[in-house]
Amino acid sequence: MGGQPTPEQLALPDKSVSFQFSHSDTAVFDGLITLFTNDQLHIEVQSLPFTAENVVKAHQIIESHHTTGKLVIHITD
């Protein structure tokens, strides 16, 4: 998974934008499965109903630095 900031995002004077890339292969997933199966890895999933109107709220949650993992905004038509 990865995402590259746009030139517009990089030019924002009051924001810090960076590139993130994650690569996993079968061995990594097998290791995670082993940890999970042995109760050594705990997965927390939080699902919030975000709509287009709530994107601002999602950003406020992220900026609060009280999230664990990633926040996914899913907008349907």
Protein backbone atom coordinates (compact mmCIF):
# COMPACT_ATOMS: atom_id res chain seq x y z
CA MET A 1 0.00 0.00 0.00
CA GLY A 2 1.29 3.42 -0.65
CA GLY A 3 0.47 6.95 -1.44
CA GLN A 4 2.50 9.82 -2.83
CA PRO A 5 1.68 13.42 -1.85
CA THR A 6 0.61 15.70 -4.68
CA PRO A 7 2.62 18.82 -5.57
CA GLU A 8 -0.21 20.88 -4.08
CA GLN A 9 0.02 18.99 -0.78
CA LEU A 10 3.80 19.37 -0.67
CA ALA A 11 3.44 23.13 -1.18
CA LEU A 12 1.14 23.67 1.82
CA PRO A 13 2.93 26.10 4.15
CA ASP A 14 1.27 24.93 7.39
CA LYS A 15 1.24 21.16 6.84
CA SER A 16 3.79 18.38 6.80
CA VAL A 17 3.13 15.80 4.09
CA SER A 18 5.18 12.65 3.64
CA PHE A 19 5.24 9.44 1.62
CA GLN A 20 4.26 6.15 3.19
CA PHE A 21 4.78 2.72 1.67
CA SER A 22 4.20 -0.69 3.20
CA HIS A 23 5.19 -3.94 1.52
CA SER A 24 4.38 -7.36 2.90
CA ASP A 25 4.90 -10.82 1.53
CA THR A 26 3.61 -14.28 2.45
CA ALA A 27 6.26 -14.78 5.13
CA VAL A 28 5.21 -11.59 6.90
CA PHE A 29 1.55 -12.60 6.84
CA ASP A 30 2.40 -16.13 8.01
CA GLY A 31 4.29 -14.62 10.96
CA LEU A 32 1.35 -12.39 11.84
CA ILE A 33 -1.02 -15.35 11.67
CA THR A 34 1.23 -17.30 14.04
CA LEU A 35 1.33 -14.41 16.52
CA PHE A 36 -2.44 -13.98 16.33
CA THR A 37 -3.09 -17.72 16.70
CA ASN A 38 -0.81 -17.85 19.77
CA ASP A 39 -2.66 -14.87 21.30
CA GLN A 40 0.47 -12.73 21.06
CA LEU A 41 -1.06 -10.22 18.65
CA HIS A 42 -4.26 -8.38 19.41
CA ILE A 43 -6.10 -6.71 16.58
CA GLU A 44 -8.36 -3.78 17.30
CA VAL A 45 -10.83 -2.79 14.61
CA GLN A 46 -12.86 0.36 14.94
CA SER A 47 -15.45 1.20 12.36
CA LEU A 48 -17.00 4.64 12.21
CA PRO A 49 -19.74 5.67 9.78
CA PHE A 50 -18.11 8.53 7.90
CA THR A 51 -19.98 10.36 5.18
CA ALA A 52 -18.75 13.17 2.94
CA GLU A 53 -20.04 15.60 5.56
CA ASN A 54 -17.97 13.92 8.27
CA VAL A 55 -14.60 14.07 6.53
CA VAL A 56 -13.73 17.14 8.63
CA LYS A 57 -14.53 15.13 11.77
CA ALA A 58 -12.28 12.31 10.56
CA HIS A 59 -9.38 14.73 10.15
CA GLN A 60 -9.99 16.12 13.64
CA ILE A 61 -9.81 12.58 15.04
CA ILE A 62 -6.52 11.95 13.23
CA GLU A 63 -5.06 15.28 14.37
CA SER A 64 -5.95 14.48 17.99
CA HIS A 65 -3.28 11.73 17.89
CA HIS A 66 -5.62 9.38 19.78
CA THR A 67 -6.04 6.83 17.01
CA THR A 68 -4.41 3.43 16.87
CA GLY A 69 -3.56 2.18 13.40
CA LYS A 70 -5.16 3.66 10.35
CA LEU A 71 -8.41 5.49 9.83
CA VAL A 72 -10.27 4.64 6.64
CA ILE A 73 -12.85 7.00 5.22
CA HIS A 74 -15.29 5.18 3.00
CA ILE A 75 -17.65 7.38 1.05
CA THR A 76 -20.47 5.84 -0.93
CA ASP A 77 -22.52 7.52 -3.63
